[in-house]
C-alpha atoms as a PDB file:
ATOM      1  CA  MET A   1       0.000   0.000   0.000  1.00  0.00           C
ATOM      2  CA  ILE A   2       2.823   2.396   0.874  1.00  0.00           C
ATOM      3  CA  LYS A   3       4.587   1.665  -2.425  1.00  0.00           C
ATOM      4  CA  GLU A   4       1.364   2.193  -4.366  1.00  0.00           C
ATOM      5  CA  ASN A   5       0.708   5.552  -2.686  1.00  0.00           C
ATOM      6  CA  LEU A   6       4.300   6.643  -3.255  1.00  0.00           C
ATOM      7  CA  THR A   7       4.126   5.660  -6.921  1.00  0.00           C
ATOM      8  CA  LYS A   8       0.974   7.721  -7.376  1.00  0.00           C
ATOM      9  CA  LYS A   9       2.661  10.718  -5.742  1.00  0.00           C
ATOM     10  CA  ILE A  10       5.725  10.367  -7.976  1.00  0.00           C
ATOM     11  CA  MET A  11       3.574  10.229 -11.100  1.00  0.00           C
ATOM     12  CA  LYS A  12       1.658  13.298  -9.971  1.00  0.00           C
ATOM     13  CA  LEU A  13       4.849  15.246  -9.237  1.00  0.00           C
ATOM     14  CA  ALA A  14       6.378  14.199 -12.550  1.00  0.00           C
ATOM     15  CA  LYS A  15       3.415  15.755 -14.340  1.00  0.00           C
ATOM     16  CA  MET A  16       3.944  18.934 -12.306  1.00  0.00           C
ATOM     17  CA  GLY A  17       7.677  19.081 -13.144  1.00  0.00           C
ATOM     18  CA  MET A  18       8.603  18.439  -9.516  1.00  0.00           C
ATOM     19  CA  LEU A  19      10.275  15.024  -9.917  1.00  0.00           C
ATOM     20  CA  THR A  20      13.856  16.277  -9.453  1.00  0.00           C
ATOM     21  CA  ILE A  21      13.025  17.861  -6.090  1.00  0.00           C
ATOM     22  CA  LEU A  22      11.291  14.683  -4.952  1.00  0.00           C
ATOM     23  CA  VAL A  23      14.262  12.502  -5.930  1.00  0.00           C
ATOM     24  CA  VAL A  24      16.642  14.708  -3.950  1.00  0.00           C
ATOM     25  CA  TRP A  25      14.301  14.660  -0.958  1.00  0.00           C
ATOM     26  CA  LEU A  26      13.900  10.893  -1.072  1.00  0.00           C
ATOM     27  CA  SER A  27      17.601  10.253  -1.519  1.00  0.00           C
ATOM     28  CA  LEU A  28      18.478  12.464   1.445  1.00  0.00           C
ATOM     29  CA  GLY A  29      16.835   9.970   3.732  1.00  0.00           C
ATOM     30  CA  MET A  30      18.723   7.120   2.106  1.00  0.00           C
ATOM     31  CA  GLY A  31      22.140   8.452   3.051  1.00  0.00           C
ATOM     32  CA  LYS A  32      24.691  11.073   2.111  1.00  0.00           C
ATOM     33  CA  SER A  33      26.029   9.095  -0.846  1.00  0.00           C
ATOM     34  CA  LEU A  34      22.655   9.332  -2.628  1.00  0.00           C
ATOM     35  CA  LEU A  35      21.771  12.926  -1.844  1.00  0.00           C
ATOM     36  CA  PHE A  36      22.658  14.189  -5.303  1.00  0.00           C
ATOM     37  CA  SER A  37      22.238  10.986  -7.320  1.00  0.00           C
ATOM     38  CA  GLN A  38      19.727  12.617  -9.679  1.00  0.00           C
ATOM     39  CA  THR A  39      22.431  14.894 -11.110  1.00  0.00           C
ATOM     40  CA  GLN A  40      25.302  12.443 -11.571  1.00  0.00           C
ATOM     41  CA  GLU A  41      24.620  11.808 -15.249  1.00  0.00           C
ATOM     42  CA  PHE A  42      24.718  15.526 -15.987  1.00  0.00           C
ATOM     43  CA  ALA A  43      28.403  15.943 -15.075  1.00  0.00           C
ATOM     44  CA  GLY A  44      29.784  19.073 -16.709  1.00  0.00           C
ATOM     45  CA  LYS A  45      26.362  20.298 -17.874  1.00  0.00           C
ATOM     46  CA  GLY A  46      24.709  21.365 -14.652  1.00  0.00           C
ATOM     47  CA  SER A  47      21.216  21.379 -13.204  1.00  0.00           C
ATOM     48  CA  MET A  48      19.117  23.478 -10.844  1.00  0.00           C
ATOM     49  CA  LEU A  49      18.638  22.112  -7.321  1.00  0.00           C
ATOM     50  CA  PRO A  50      17.107  23.491  -4.105  1.00  0.00           C
ATOM     51  CA  TYR A  51      19.473  24.120  -1.206  1.00  0.00           C
ATOM     52  CA  PHE A  52      17.373  25.353   1.705  1.00  0.00           C
ATOM     53  CA  PHE A  53      18.291  24.332   5.260  1.00  0.00           C
ATOM     54  CA  GLU A  54      16.616  24.912   8.595  1.00  0.00           C
ATOM     55  CA  GLY A  55      19.380  24.487  11.110  1.00  0.00           C
ATOM     56  CA  GLU A  56      21.093  21.280  10.006  1.00  0.00           C
ATOM     57  CA  LYS A  57      17.997  19.854   8.341  1.00  0.00           C
ATOM     58  CA  TYR A  58      17.840  19.868   4.563  1.00  0.00           C
ATOM     59  CA  LEU A  59      14.377  21.023   3.417  1.00  0.00           C
ATOM     60  CA  PRO A  60      14.143  20.999  -0.377  1.00  0.00           C
ATOM     61  CA  GLY A  61      10.535  22.166  -0.684  1.00  0.00           C
ATOM     62  CA  GLU A  62       9.056  23.318  -3.977  1.00  0.00           C
ATOM     63  CA  THR A  63       9.396  26.967  -2.904  1.00  0.00           C
ATOM     64  CA  SER A  64      13.057  26.582  -1.869  1.00  0.00           C
ATOM     65  CA  ILE A  65      15.777  28.715  -3.399  1.00  0.00           C
ATOM     66  CA  ARG A  66      17.530  26.849  -6.185  1.00  0.00           C
ATOM     67  CA  GLY A  67      21.160  27.018  -7.266  1.00  0.00           C
ATOM     68  CA  TYR A  68      23.013  25.709 -10.300  1.00  0.00           C
ATOM     69  CA  LEU A  69      25.146  22.618  -9.726  1.00  0.00           C
ATOM     70  CA  SER A  70      27.758  21.511 -12.262  1.00  0.00           C
ATOM     71  CA  LEU A  71      29.856  18.404 -11.735  1.00  0.00           C
ATOM     72  CA  PRO A  72      33.276  17.347 -13.040  1.00  0.00           C
ATOM     73  CA  GLU A  73      33.940  14.038 -14.718  1.00  0.00           C
ATOM     74  CA  LYS A  74      33.599  11.090 -12.388  1.00  0.00           C
ATOM     75  CA  SER A  75      36.654  10.205 -10.336  1.00  0.00           C
ATOM     76  CA  ASN A  76      37.608   7.795  -7.584  1.00  0.00           C
ATOM     77  CA  SER A  77      38.716  10.701  -5.398  1.00  0.00           C
ATOM     78  CA  LYS A  78      36.651  13.533  -3.971  1.00  0.00           C
ATOM     79  CA  ALA A  79      36.934  16.954  -5.575  1.00  0.00           C
ATOM     80  CA  PRO A  80      37.235  20.472  -4.180  1.00  0.00           C
ATOM     81  CA  ALA A  81      34.151  22.669  -4.490  1.00  0.00           C
ATOM     82  CA  ILE A  82      33.587  26.222  -5.682  1.00  0.00           C
ATOM     83  CA  ILE A  83      30.656  28.367  -4.573  1.00  0.00           C
ATOM     84  CA  LEU A  84      29.948  30.942  -7.275  1.00  0.00           C
ATOM     85  CA  ILE A  85      28.186  34.208  -6.424  1.00  0.00           C
ATOM     86  CA  HIS A  86      26.521  36.152  -9.203  1.00  0.00           C
ATOM     87  CA  GLU A  87      26.766  39.777 -10.274  1.00  0.00           C
ATOM     88  CA  TRP A  88      23.948  42.210  -9.555  1.00  0.00           C
ATOM     89  CA  TRP A  89      22.149  40.874 -12.642  1.00  0.00           C
ATOM     90  CA  GLY A  90      21.299  37.658 -10.788  1.00  0.00           C
ATOM     91  CA  LEU A  91      21.926  33.972 -11.483  1.00  0.00           C
ATOM     92  CA  THR A  92      22.199  34.270 -15.259  1.00  0.00           C
ATOM     93  CA  ASP A  93      23.274  31.851 -17.963  1.00  0.00           C
ATOM     94  CA  GLY A  94      26.668  33.575 -17.912  1.00  0.00           C
ATOM     95  CA  ILE A  95      27.242  32.559 -14.294  1.00  0.00           C
ATOM     96  CA  LYS A  96      26.021  29.051 -15.062  1.00  0.00           C
ATOM     97  CA  ALA A  97      28.552  28.901 -17.902  1.00  0.00           C
ATOM     98  CA  GLU A  98      31.274  29.893 -15.433  1.00  0.00           C
ATOM     99  CA  ALA A  99      30.172  27.038 -13.172  1.00  0.00           C
ATOM    100  CA  ASP A 100      30.470  24.636 -16.100  1.00  0.00           C
ATOM    101  CA  LYS A 101      34.005  25.895 -16.765  1.00  0.00           C
ATOM    102  CA  PHE A 102      35.027  25.217 -13.171  1.00  0.00           C
ATOM    103  CA  ALA A 103      33.478  21.756 -13.441  1.00  0.00           C
ATOM    104  CA  GLU A 104      35.532  21.100 -16.574  1.00  0.00           C
ATOM    105  CA  ALA A 105      38.605  22.094 -14.533  1.00  0.00           C
ATOM    106  CA  GLY A 106      37.795  19.405 -11.956  1.00  0.00           C
ATOM    107  CA  TYR A 107      35.703  21.269  -9.375  1.00  0.00           C
ATOM    108  CA  VAL A 108      32.210  20.654  -8.090  1.00  0.00           C
ATOM    109  CA  ALA A 109      30.740  24.069  -8.889  1.00  0.00           C
ATOM    110  CA  PHE A 110      27.624  25.454  -7.249  1.00  0.00           C
ATOM    111  CA  ALA A 111      26.224  28.863  -8.209  1.00  0.00           C
ATOM    112  CA  VAL A 112      23.999  30.352  -5.510  1.00  0.00           C
ATOM    113  CA  ASP A 113      20.981  32.590  -6.020  1.00  0.00           C
ATOM    114  CA  LEU A 114      20.783  35.571  -3.672  1.00  0.00           C
ATOM    115  CA  TYR A 115      17.751  36.915  -5.579  1.00  0.00           C
ATOM    116  CA  LYS A 116      15.528  33.863  -5.012  1.00  0.00           C
ATOM    117  CA  GLY A 117      14.767  33.318  -8.678  1.00  0.00           C
ATOM    118  CA  ASP A 118      14.819  36.900  -9.955  1.00  0.00           C
ATOM    119  CA  SER A 119      17.278  38.320 -12.475  1.00  0.00           C
ATOM    120  CA  SER A 120      17.374  41.292 -14.817  1.00  0.00           C
ATOM    121  CA  ARG A 121      19.335  42.878 -17.641  1.00  0.00           C
ATOM    122  CA  ASP A 122      18.022  46.305 -16.644  1.00  0.00           C
ATOM    123  CA  PRO A 123      20.481  48.256 -14.435  1.00  0.00           C
ATOM    124  CA  ALA A 124      17.701  49.955 -12.468  1.00  0.00           C
ATOM    125  CA  GLU A 125      16.068  46.636 -11.637  1.00  0.00           C
ATOM    126  CA  ALA A 126      19.450  45.061 -10.839  1.00  0.00           C
ATOM    127  CA  ARG A 127      20.120  47.933  -8.456  1.00  0.00           C
ATOM    128  CA  ARG A 128      16.774  47.327  -6.760  1.00  0.00           C
ATOM    129  CA  LEU A 129      17.428  43.594  -6.423  1.00  0.00           C
ATOM    130  CA  SER A 130      20.928  44.042  -5.002  1.00  0.00           C
ATOM    131  CA  GLY A 131      19.646  46.757  -2.665  1.00  0.00           C
ATOM    132  CA  ALA A 132      16.985  44.409  -1.330  1.00  0.00           C
ATOM    133  CA  VAL A 133      19.699  41.873  -0.447  1.00  0.00           C
ATOM    134  CA  ARG A 134      21.727  44.514   1.398  1.00  0.00           C
ATOM    135  CA  LYS A 135      18.641  45.440   3.422  1.00  0.00           C
ATOM    136  CA  ASN A 136      18.375  41.883   4.702  1.00  0.00           C
ATOM    137  CA  LEU A 137      21.934  40.815   5.449  1.00  0.00           C
ATOM    138  CA  PRO A 138      21.024  37.962   7.827  1.00  0.00           C
ATOM    139  CA  GLU A 139      19.039  36.288   5.037  1.00  0.00           C
ATOM    140  CA  ALA A 140      21.933  36.664   2.593  1.00  0.00           C
ATOM    141  CA  PHE A 141      24.409  35.172   5.059  1.00  0.00           C
ATOM    142  CA  ALA A 142      21.985  32.307   5.765  1.00  0.00           C
ATOM    143  CA  ASN A 143      21.763  31.704   2.007  1.00  0.00           C
ATOM    144  CA  LEU A 144      25.542  31.402   1.693  1.00  0.00           C
ATOM    145  CA  GLN A 145      25.805  29.225   4.784  1.00  0.00           C
ATOM    146  CA  ALA A 146      23.178  26.919   3.284  1.00  0.00           C
ATOM    147  CA  ALA A 147      25.230  26.717   0.086  1.00  0.00           C
ATOM    148  CA  VAL A 148      28.285  25.666   2.102  1.00  0.00           C
ATOM    149  CA  LYS A 149      26.263  22.941   3.826  1.00  0.00           C
ATOM    150  CA  PHE A 150      24.885  21.881   0.466  1.00  0.00           C
ATOM    151  CA  VAL A 151      28.286  21.283  -1.124  1.00  0.00           C
ATOM    152  CA  LYS A 152      29.745  19.765   2.049  1.00  0.00           C
ATOM    153  CA  ASN A 153      27.015  17.114   1.894  1.00  0.00           C
ATOM    154  CA  HIS A 154      27.744  16.304  -1.714  1.00  0.00           C
ATOM    155  CA  PRO A 155      29.227  12.778  -1.990  1.00  0.00           C
ATOM    156  CA  ARG A 156      31.847  13.938  -4.495  1.00  0.00           C
ATOM    157  CA  VAL A 157      33.096  16.899  -2.454  1.00  0.00           C
ATOM    158  CA  ASP A 158      36.055  17.003  -0.123  1.00  0.00           C
ATOM    159  CA  GLU A 159      34.403  19.142   2.551  1.00  0.00           C
ATOM    160  CA  LYS A 160      37.744  20.566   3.672  1.00  0.00           C
ATOM    161  CA  ARG A 161      38.456  22.058   0.240  1.00  0.00           C
ATOM    162  CA  ILE A 162      35.847  24.709  -0.509  1.00  0.00           C
ATOM    163  CA  ALA A 163      36.323  28.148  -2.059  1.00  0.00           C
ATOM    164  CA  SER A 164      34.140  31.027  -3.204  1.00  0.00           C
ATOM    165  CA  VAL A 165      34.307  33.070  -6.405  1.00  0.00           C
ATOM    166  CA  GLY A 166      32.212  36.164  -7.045  1.00  0.00           C
ATOM    167  CA  TRP A 167      31.897  38.987  -9.528  1.00  0.00           C
ATOM    168  CA  CYS A 168      30.934  42.602  -8.746  1.00  0.00           C
ATOM    169  CA  PHE A 169      28.010  42.318  -6.277  1.00  0.00           C
ATOM    170  CA  GLY A 170      29.006  38.669  -5.844  1.00  0.00           C
ATOM    171  CA  GLY A 171      32.657  39.631  -5.448  1.00  0.00           C
ATOM    172  CA  GLY A 172      31.695  41.630  -2.377  1.00  0.00           C
ATOM    173  CA  TRP A 173      29.928  38.586  -0.985  1.00  0.00           C
ATOM    174  CA  SER A 174      32.904  36.369  -1.753  1.00  0.00           C
ATOM    175  CA  TYR A 175      34.947  38.803   0.327  1.00  0.00           C
ATOM    176  CA  GLN A 176      32.351  38.548   3.108  1.00  0.00           C
ATOM    177  CA  MET A 177      32.668  34.769   3.092  1.00  0.00           C
ATOM    178  CA  ALA A 178      36.402  35.143   3.698  1.00  0.00           C
ATOM    179  CA  LYS A 179      36.049  37.954   6.214  1.00  0.00           C
ATOM    180  CA  ASN A 180      33.450  36.093   8.284  1.00  0.00           C
ATOM    181  CA  ASN A 181      35.057  32.653   7.881  1.00  0.00           C
ATOM    182  CA  ILE A 182      31.984  31.074   6.293  1.00  0.00           C
ATOM    183  CA  GLY A 183      33.362  27.656   5.497  1.00  0.00           C
ATOM    184  CA  VAL A 184      35.828  28.526   2.724  1.00  0.00           C
ATOM    185  CA  LYS A 185      39.598  28.098   2.514  1.00  0.00           C
ATOM    186  CA  ALA A 186      39.979  30.579  -0.338  1.00  0.00           C
ATOM    187  CA  SER A 187      37.949  33.437  -1.793  1.00  0.00           C
ATOM    188  CA  VAL A 188      38.280  34.985  -5.232  1.00  0.00           C
ATOM    189  CA  ILE A 189      37.007  38.529  -5.651  1.00  0.00           C
ATOM    190  CA  TYR A 190      36.371  40.077  -9.041  1.00  0.00           C
ATOM    191  CA  TYR A 191      36.018  43.827  -8.424  1.00  0.00           C
ATOM    192  CA  GLY A 192      33.925  43.258  -5.311  1.00  0.00           C
ATOM    193  CA  PHE A 193      33.314  45.827  -2.607  1.00  0.00           C
ATOM    194  CA  PHE A 194      35.233  45.818   0.680  1.00  0.00           C
ATOM    195  CA  ALA A 195      36.365  48.183   3.407  1.00  0.00           C
ATOM    196  CA  PRO A 196      40.166  48.254   3.881  1.00  0.00           C
ATOM    197  CA  LYS A 197      39.788  48.912   7.602  1.00  0.00           C
ATOM    198  CA  ASP A 198      37.434  45.964   8.159  1.00  0.00           C
ATOM    199  CA  ASP A 199      37.959  43.756  11.192  1.00  0.00           C
ATOM    200  CA  LEU A 200      39.526  40.607   9.723  1.00  0.00           C
ATOM    201  CA  LYS A 201      40.134  38.737  12.961  1.00  0.00           C
ATOM    202  CA  LYS A 202      37.731  35.959  11.974  1.00  0.00           C
ATOM    203  CA  MET A 203      39.301  35.401   8.568  1.00  0.00           C
ATOM    204  CA  ARG A 204      41.144  32.104   8.155  1.00  0.00           C
ATOM    205  CA  GLY A 205      41.177  31.694   4.389  1.00  0.00           C
ATOM    206  CA  VAL A 206      43.200  33.417   1.695  1.00  0.00           C
ATOM    207  CA  ILE A 207      42.046  36.052  -0.767  1.00  0.00           C
ATOM    208  CA  LEU A 208      42.686  36.609  -4.463  1.00  0.00           C
ATOM    209  CA  GLY A 209      41.442  39.955  -5.739  1.00  0.00           C
ATOM    210  CA  HIS A 210      41.073  41.150  -9.335  1.00  0.00           C
ATOM    211  CA  PHE A 211      40.483  44.900  -9.619  1.00  0.00           C
ATOM    212  CA  ALA A 212      40.194  47.451 -12.403  1.00  0.00           C
ATOM    213  CA  GLU A 213      42.535  50.426 -12.586  1.00  0.00           C
ATOM    214  CA  ASN A 214      39.758  52.742 -13.767  1.00  0.00           C
ATOM    215  CA  ASP A 215      36.950  51.457 -11.567  1.00  0.00           C
ATOM    216  CA  ARG A 216      34.808  54.465 -10.645  1.00  0.00           C
ATOM    217  CA  ALA A 217      33.157  52.649  -7.741  1.00  0.00           C
ATOM    218  CA  ILE A 218      36.245  51.039  -6.188  1.00  0.00           C
ATOM    219  CA  LYS A 219      39.136  53.470  -6.160  1.00  0.00           C
ATOM    220  CA  VAL A 220      42.533  52.024  -6.989  1.00  0.00           C
ATOM    221  CA  ASP A 221      44.114  53.706  -3.946  1.00  0.00           C
ATOM    222  CA  THR A 222      41.655  51.795  -1.759  1.00  0.00           C
ATOM    223  CA  VAL A 223      42.659  48.550  -3.467  1.00  0.00           C
ATOM    224  CA  ARG A 224      46.319  49.286  -2.772  1.00  0.00           C
ATOM    225  CA  GLU A 225      45.421  49.959   0.855  1.00  0.00           C
ATOM    226  CA  LEU A 226      43.817  46.508   1.043  1.00  0.00           C
ATOM    227  CA  GLN A 227      46.864  45.006  -0.660  1.00  0.00           C
ATOM    228  CA  ILE A 228      49.161  46.464   1.997  1.00  0.00           C
ATOM    229  CA  ARG A 229      46.812  45.392   4.788  1.00  0.00           C
ATOM    230  CA  LEU A 230      46.688  41.785   3.602  1.00  0.00           C
ATOM    231  CA  LYS A 231      50.478  41.574   3.591  1.00  0.00           C
ATOM    232  CA  THR A 232      50.402  42.074   7.351  1.00  0.00           C
ATOM    233  CA  LEU A 233      48.076  39.103   7.830  1.00  0.00           C
ATOM    234  CA  HIS A 234      48.696  35.386   7.817  1.00  0.00           C
ATOM    235  CA  GLY A 235      48.290  33.725   4.430  1.00  0.00           C
ATOM    236  CA  ASP A 236      49.500  34.071   0.873  1.00  0.00           C
ATOM    237  CA  HIS A 237      46.977  36.648  -0.357  1.00  0.00           C
ATOM    238  CA  GLU A 238      47.126  38.049  -3.883  1.00  0.00           C
ATOM    239  CA  ILE A 239      45.765  41.339  -5.224  1.00  0.00           C
ATOM    240  CA  TYR A 240      46.029  42.363  -8.878  1.00  0.00           C
ATOM    241  CA  ILE A 241      45.168  45.674 -10.497  1.00  0.00           C
ATOM    242  CA  TYR A 242      44.597  45.478 -14.256  1.00  0.00           C
ATOM    243  CA  ALA A 243      45.788  48.507 -16.220  1.00  0.00           C
ATOM    244  CA  ASN A 244      43.382  50.322 -18.519  1.00  0.00           C
ATOM    245  CA  THR A 245      40.352  48.353 -17.358  1.00  0.00           C
ATOM    246  CA  SER A 246      36.998  49.308 -15.855  1.00  0.00           C
ATOM    247  CA  HIS A 247      34.579  47.661 -13.444  1.00  0.00           C
ATOM    248  CA  GLY A 248      33.252  44.485 -15.036  1.00  0.00           C
ATOM    249  CA  PHE A 249      36.204  43.914 -17.390  1.00  0.00           C
ATOM    250  CA  ALA A 250      36.155  40.126 -16.896  1.00  0.00           C
ATOM    251  CA  SER A 251      32.432  39.565 -17.446  1.00  0.00           C
ATOM    252  CA  LYS A 252      31.458  38.435 -20.920  1.00  0.00           C
ATOM    253  CA  ARG A 253      27.705  38.553 -20.514  1.00  0.00           C
ATOM    254  CA  LEU A 254      24.766  37.983 -22.806  1.00  0.00           C
ATOM    255  CA  GLY A 255      23.990  41.063 -24.882  1.00  0.00           C
ATOM    256  CA  GLY A 256      27.590  42.269 -24.770  1.00  0.00           C
ATOM    257  CA  ASN A 257      29.689  44.171 -22.286  1.00  0.00           C
ATOM    258  CA  PRO A 258      31.360  47.350 -23.589  1.00  0.00           C
ATOM    259  CA  VAL A 259      34.113  47.229 -20.936  1.00  0.00           C
ATOM    260  CA  TYR A 260      34.962  43.555 -21.417  1.00  0.00           C
ATOM    261  CA  LYS A 261      38.680  42.935 -21.979  1.00  0.00           C
ATOM    262  CA  GLN A 262      39.450  39.479 -23.353  1.00  0.00           C
ATOM    263  CA  LYS A 263      43.193  39.514 -22.614  1.00  0.00           C
ATOM    264  CA  GLU A 264      42.833  40.736 -19.039  1.00  0.00           C
ATOM    265  CA  ALA A 265      39.890  38.408 -18.406  1.00  0.00           C
ATOM    266  CA  ASP A 266      41.968  35.451 -19.579  1.00  0.00           C
ATOM    267  CA  ILE A 267      44.887  36.456 -17.357  1.00  0.00           C
ATOM    268  CA  ALA A 268      42.568  36.828 -14.369  1.00  0.00           C
ATOM    269  CA  GLY A 269      41.003  33.449 -15.130  1.00  0.00           C
ATOM    270  CA  SER A 270      44.390  31.746 -15.296  1.00  0.00           C
ATOM    271  CA  ARG A 271      45.459  33.347 -12.028  1.00  0.00           C
ATOM    272  CA  THR A 272      42.230  32.178 -10.432  1.00  0.00           C
ATOM    273  CA  LEU A 273      42.785  28.555 -11.435  1.00  0.00           C
ATOM    274  CA  LEU A 274      46.402  28.623 -10.227  1.00  0.00           C
ATOM    275  CA  PHE A 275      45.324  30.180  -6.936  1.00  0.00           C
ATOM    276  CA  LEU A 276      42.618  27.595  -6.368  1.00  0.00           C
ATOM    277  CA  LYS A 277      44.949  24.729  -7.260  1.00  0.00           C
ATOM    278  CA  LYS A 278      47.478  26.054  -4.778  1.00  0.00           C
ATOM    279  CA  HIS A 279      45.111  26.513  -1.855  1.00  0.00           C
ATOM    280  CA  LEU A 280      42.549  23.724  -2.250  1.00  0.00           C
END
């Protein structure tokens, strides 16, 4: 009788497009090794999965926030994980493509969604969305903490080797993950906001920062101040300032980006991979 009722529920959910969530929920109760079994065949391509937690309990309800998970090729050993944090545009296809690239490089890549499903190509709307996140910082931190728990529970992740990478709005949050010691060994910041006089006593991981020389929002003198500050702290931190570039130089987004610089973006990408290889 139980099997019959469950089968009926599965068929009903399949018609509603909810089968993936159900599989994750069912597999959670069957042990850690099966938590993400629904996505294994999609290695390198990625899929959307819920990642909501209440305390330590995983609650993947149909209204849960969903992130984009991309897996590397199967291996006998566990892989390091990267938590990707989007620009102020939201969790776009561009960020998903970045996750796929990290997966191709051997990382379990998980792109979070701080906008709970919203995204926009309109600067005014993007400003509103990012502003709403800043008005509810506890929720944003809880979101990132849930993402850390999510990847730590993945059967293919080495839970001691987790990093964050973020761009612009997400770069600032990647910095916050390092500053507040939110489960990451390394944090990569692409022109993300910070305060050079921040209290960094909690920080245990290392930082790699990519900044634009002509960024109107983040002054280069402030970046140099952070660079000097980090040299006084424990860890092999790296800060780079890219000549003749502007804020957003490494983001090749849909619809075009007038300040995109291919050469500098490639250099920053190579430095990021070397940094992650070194510290994870």
